[in-house]
Amino acid sequence: MDTPMENTGFGSAPTNPTSSGGTGSMASASSGYCPTCGQSRSASTNSALEQFLGRLGITDEMITNLKSSIQNVDIEEYLTTARDYLKGGSEKATTYAKENPGKVAAGVAVLAVGTGLLISALNRD
């Protein structure tokens, strides 16, 4: 039977041999480490992400500015605009198809022939 190596890898922490991990009755809530993953409970919840962003050159000030910018965004306004674009686009496509049925039929025929050739080539392999 394999035995786990203690205190190795990313986020390693001293383990409690009496804890079974998870949220069971043996998991110690007073411990300084999460019984499941071994992460320090005293560390910031986003510390790994903050470290990664720091390595990319993104500062805390940049993150704060981004958070404040996102809080000022009106999501409903953007969703309404997106819906209007989609509705307008489908109306344009419908109008084009009604005005040019021959071009649409030719496009569908080319698509069908291309699909048939692709399937035929794949079946040869």
C-alpha atoms as a PDB file:
ATOM      1  CA  MET A   1       0.000   0.000   0.000  1.00  0.00           C
ATOM      2  CA  ASP A   2       1.270   3.462  -0.872  1.00  0.00           C
ATOM      3  CA  THR A   3       1.859   5.822   1.997  1.00  0.00           C
ATOM      4  CA  PRO A   4       1.420   9.560   1.439  1.00  0.00           C
ATOM      5  CA  MET A   5       4.475  11.759   1.662  1.00  0.00           C
ATOM      6  CA  GLU A   6       3.981  14.454   4.265  1.00  0.00           C
ATOM      7  CA  ASN A   7       4.773  18.132   3.827  1.00  0.00           C
ATOM      8  CA  THR A   8       5.471  17.954   0.101  1.00  0.00           C
ATOM      9  CA  GLY A   9       4.123  19.840  -2.873  1.00  0.00           C
ATOM     10  CA  PHE A  10       2.276  23.100  -3.311  1.00  0.00           C
ATOM     11  CA  GLY A  11       0.368  24.317  -0.272  1.00  0.00           C
ATOM     12  CA  SER A  12       1.805  21.645   1.978  1.00  0.00           C
ATOM     13  CA  ALA A  13       1.252  21.971   5.682  1.00  0.00           C
ATOM     14  CA  PRO A  14       1.717  19.831   8.746  1.00  0.00           C
ATOM     15  CA  THR A  15      -0.978  17.194   8.840  1.00  0.00           C
ATOM     16  CA  ASN A  16      -2.974  16.094  11.823  1.00  0.00           C
ATOM     17  CA  PRO A  17      -2.795  12.271  11.999  1.00  0.00           C
ATOM     18  CA  THR A  18      -6.095  12.063  13.884  1.00  0.00           C
ATOM     19  CA  SER A  19      -7.993  14.051  11.274  1.00  0.00           C
ATOM     20  CA  SER A  20      -9.668  12.235   8.428  1.00  0.00           C
ATOM     21  CA  GLY A  21     -10.076  15.429   6.406  1.00  0.00           C
ATOM     22  CA  GLY A  22     -13.229  16.870   4.923  1.00  0.00           C
ATOM     23  CA  THR A  23     -16.103  18.086   7.008  1.00  0.00           C
ATOM     24  CA  GLY A  24     -16.430  15.006   9.221  1.00  0.00           C
ATOM     25  CA  SER A  25     -16.430  15.034  12.994  1.00  0.00           C
ATOM     26  CA  MET A  26     -12.656  14.491  13.111  1.00  0.00           C
ATOM     27  CA  ALA A  27     -11.892  17.632  11.080  1.00  0.00           C
ATOM     28  CA  SER A  28     -10.527  20.204  13.454  1.00  0.00           C
ATOM     29  CA  ALA A  29     -12.119  23.610  13.057  1.00  0.00           C
ATOM     30  CA  SER A  30      -9.627  25.190  15.449  1.00  0.00           C
ATOM     31  CA  SER A  31      -6.601  24.040  13.440  1.00  0.00           C
ATOM     32  CA  GLY A  32      -4.619  26.649  11.545  1.00  0.00           C
ATOM     33  CA  TYR A  33      -4.868  24.570   8.348  1.00  0.00           C
ATOM     34  CA  CYS A  34      -7.708  23.222   6.224  1.00  0.00           C
ATOM     35  CA  PRO A  35      -8.010  19.464   6.942  1.00  0.00           C
ATOM     36  CA  THR A  36      -8.892  18.754   3.298  1.00  0.00           C
ATOM     37  CA  CYS A  37      -6.261  20.643   1.320  1.00  0.00           C
ATOM     38  CA  GLY A  38      -3.761  21.782   3.966  1.00  0.00           C
ATOM     39  CA  GLN A  39      -4.048  25.502   3.070  1.00  0.00           C
ATOM     40  CA  SER A  40      -3.417  27.915   5.897  1.00  0.00           C
ATOM     41  CA  ARG A  41      -6.676  29.318   7.263  1.00  0.00           C
ATOM     42  CA  SER A  42      -4.961  32.549   8.240  1.00  0.00           C
ATOM     43  CA  ALA A  43      -3.847  33.235   4.650  1.00  0.00           C
ATOM     44  CA  SER A  44      -5.912  35.462   2.422  1.00  0.00           C
ATOM     45  CA  THR A  45      -8.489  33.489   0.452  1.00  0.00           C
ATOM     46  CA  ASN A  46      -7.107  34.928  -2.787  1.00  0.00           C
ATOM     47  CA  SER A  47      -3.409  34.778  -1.914  1.00  0.00           C
ATOM     48  CA  ALA A  48      -2.530  32.281  -4.660  1.00  0.00           C
ATOM     49  CA  LEU A  49      -4.321  34.375  -7.255  1.00  0.00           C
ATOM     50  CA  GLU A  50      -2.705  37.543  -5.936  1.00  0.00           C
ATOM     51  CA  GLN A  51       0.735  35.915  -6.113  1.00  0.00           C
ATOM     52  CA  PHE A  52       0.104  34.787  -9.697  1.00  0.00           C
ATOM     53  CA  LEU A  53      -1.082  38.229 -10.776  1.00  0.00           C
ATOM     54  CA  GLY A  54       1.934  39.786  -9.033  1.00  0.00           C
ATOM     55  CA  ARG A  55       4.238  37.591 -11.097  1.00  0.00           C
ATOM     56  CA  LEU A  56       2.515  38.893 -14.219  1.00  0.00           C
ATOM     57  CA  GLY A  57       3.215  42.466 -13.099  1.00  0.00           C
ATOM     58  CA  ILE A  58      -0.318  43.309 -12.024  1.00  0.00           C
ATOM     59  CA  THR A  59      -0.237  45.429  -8.880  1.00  0.00           C
ATOM     60  CA  ASP A  60      -2.731  45.684  -6.027  1.00  0.00           C
ATOM     61  CA  GLU A  61      -3.598  49.181  -7.223  1.00  0.00           C
ATOM     62  CA  MET A  62      -4.509  47.817 -10.662  1.00  0.00           C
ATOM     63  CA  ILE A  63      -6.731  45.172  -9.088  1.00  0.00           C
ATOM     64  CA  THR A  64      -8.453  47.771  -6.886  1.00  0.00           C
ATOM     65  CA  ASN A  65      -9.077  49.993  -9.926  1.00  0.00           C
ATOM     66  CA  LEU A  66     -10.510  47.053 -11.858  1.00  0.00           C
ATOM     67  CA  LYS A  67     -12.814  46.094  -8.982  1.00  0.00           C
ATOM     68  CA  SER A  68     -14.144  49.652  -8.709  1.00  0.00           C
ATOM     69  CA  SER A  69     -14.652  49.818 -12.485  1.00  0.00           C
ATOM     70  CA  ILE A  70     -16.586  46.562 -12.532  1.00  0.00           C
ATOM     71  CA  GLN A  71     -18.843  47.723  -9.701  1.00  0.00           C
ATOM     72  CA  ASN A  72     -19.902  50.718 -11.802  1.00  0.00           C
ATOM     73  CA  VAL A  73     -20.933  48.625 -14.824  1.00  0.00           C
ATOM     74  CA  ASP A  74     -24.633  48.355 -15.640  1.00  0.00           C
ATOM     75  CA  ILE A  75     -24.982  44.730 -16.761  1.00  0.00           C
ATOM     76  CA  GLU A  76     -28.615  45.105 -17.837  1.00  0.00           C
ATOM     77  CA  GLU A  77     -27.680  47.889 -20.258  1.00  0.00           C
ATOM     78  CA  TYR A  78     -25.094  45.641 -21.948  1.00  0.00           C
ATOM     79  CA  LEU A  79     -27.489  42.699 -22.080  1.00  0.00           C
ATOM     80  CA  THR A  80     -30.200  44.861 -23.644  1.00  0.00           C
ATOM     81  CA  THR A  81     -27.740  46.117 -26.259  1.00  0.00           C
ATOM     82  CA  ALA A  82     -26.623  42.545 -27.040  1.00  0.00           C
ATOM     83  CA  ARG A  83     -30.235  41.411 -27.406  1.00  0.00           C
ATOM     84  CA  ASP A  84     -30.941  44.286 -29.798  1.00  0.00           C
ATOM     85  CA  TYR A  85     -27.922  43.366 -31.953  1.00  0.00           C
ATOM     86  CA  LEU A  86     -28.974  39.716 -32.098  1.00  0.00           C
ATOM     87  CA  LYS A  87     -32.554  40.606 -32.945  1.00  0.00           C
ATOM     88  CA  GLY A  88     -31.447  43.030 -35.650  1.00  0.00           C
ATOM     89  CA  GLY A  89     -29.000  40.511 -37.073  1.00  0.00           C
ATOM     90  CA  SER A  90     -31.591  37.771 -37.386  1.00  0.00           C
ATOM     91  CA  GLU A  91     -34.018  40.188 -39.052  1.00  0.00           C
ATOM     92  CA  LYS A  92     -31.320  41.130 -41.581  1.00  0.00           C
ATOM     93  CA  ALA A  93     -30.602  37.463 -42.320  1.00  0.00           C
ATOM     94  CA  THR A  94     -34.296  36.729 -42.798  1.00  0.00           C
ATOM     95  CA  THR A  95     -34.715  39.690 -45.130  1.00  0.00           C
ATOM     96  CA  TYR A  96     -31.645  38.662 -47.175  1.00  0.00           C
ATOM     97  CA  ALA A  97     -32.916  35.084 -47.469  1.00  0.00           C
ATOM     98  CA  LYS A  98     -36.326  36.300 -48.706  1.00  0.00           C
ATOM     99  CA  GLU A  99     -34.771  38.676 -51.225  1.00  0.00           C
ATOM    100  CA  ASN A 100     -32.120  36.206 -52.495  1.00  0.00           C
ATOM    101  CA  PRO A 101     -33.505  32.651 -52.316  1.00  0.00           C
ATOM    102  CA  GLY A 102     -31.262  31.412 -55.151  1.00  0.00           C
ATOM    103  CA  LYS A 103     -28.070  32.525 -53.386  1.00  0.00           C
ATOM    104  CA  VAL A 104     -29.201  30.919 -50.131  1.00  0.00           C
ATOM    105  CA  ALA A 105     -30.059  27.650 -51.917  1.00  0.00           C
ATOM    106  CA  ALA A 106     -26.677  27.655 -53.670  1.00  0.00           C
ATOM    107  CA  GLY A 107     -24.924  28.244 -50.349  1.00  0.00           C
ATOM    108  CA  VAL A 108     -26.767  25.330 -48.748  1.00  0.00           C
ATOM    109  CA  ALA A 109     -25.900  23.084 -51.724  1.00  0.00           C
ATOM    110  CA  VAL A 110     -22.198  24.004 -51.498  1.00  0.00           C
ATOM    111  CA  LEU A 111     -22.259  23.327 -47.775  1.00  0.00           C
ATOM    112  CA  ALA A 112     -23.869  19.904 -48.337  1.00  0.00           C
ATOM    113  CA  VAL A 113     -21.342  18.930 -51.020  1.00  0.00           C
ATOM    114  CA  GLY A 114     -18.434  20.101 -48.847  1.00  0.00           C
ATOM    115  CA  THR A 115     -19.728  18.122 -45.887  1.00  0.00           C
ATOM    116  CA  GLY A 116     -20.119  15.021 -48.056  1.00  0.00           C
ATOM    117  CA  LEU A 117     -16.552  15.339 -49.354  1.00  0.00           C
ATOM    118  CA  LEU A 118     -15.207  15.809 -45.841  1.00  0.00           C
ATOM    119  CA  ILE A 119     -17.043  12.743 -44.541  1.00  0.00           C
ATOM    120  CA  SER A 120     -15.859  10.718 -47.552  1.00  0.00           C
ATOM    121  CA  ALA A 121     -12.226  11.745 -46.935  1.00  0.00           C
ATOM    122  CA  LEU A 122     -12.477  10.870 -43.245  1.00  0.00           C
ATOM    123  CA  ASN A 123     -13.950   7.437 -44.004  1.00  0.00           C
ATOM    124  CA  ARG A 124     -11.008   6.557 -46.293  1.00  0.00           C
ATOM    125  CA  ASP A 125      -8.547   6.744 -43.387  1.00  0.00           C
END
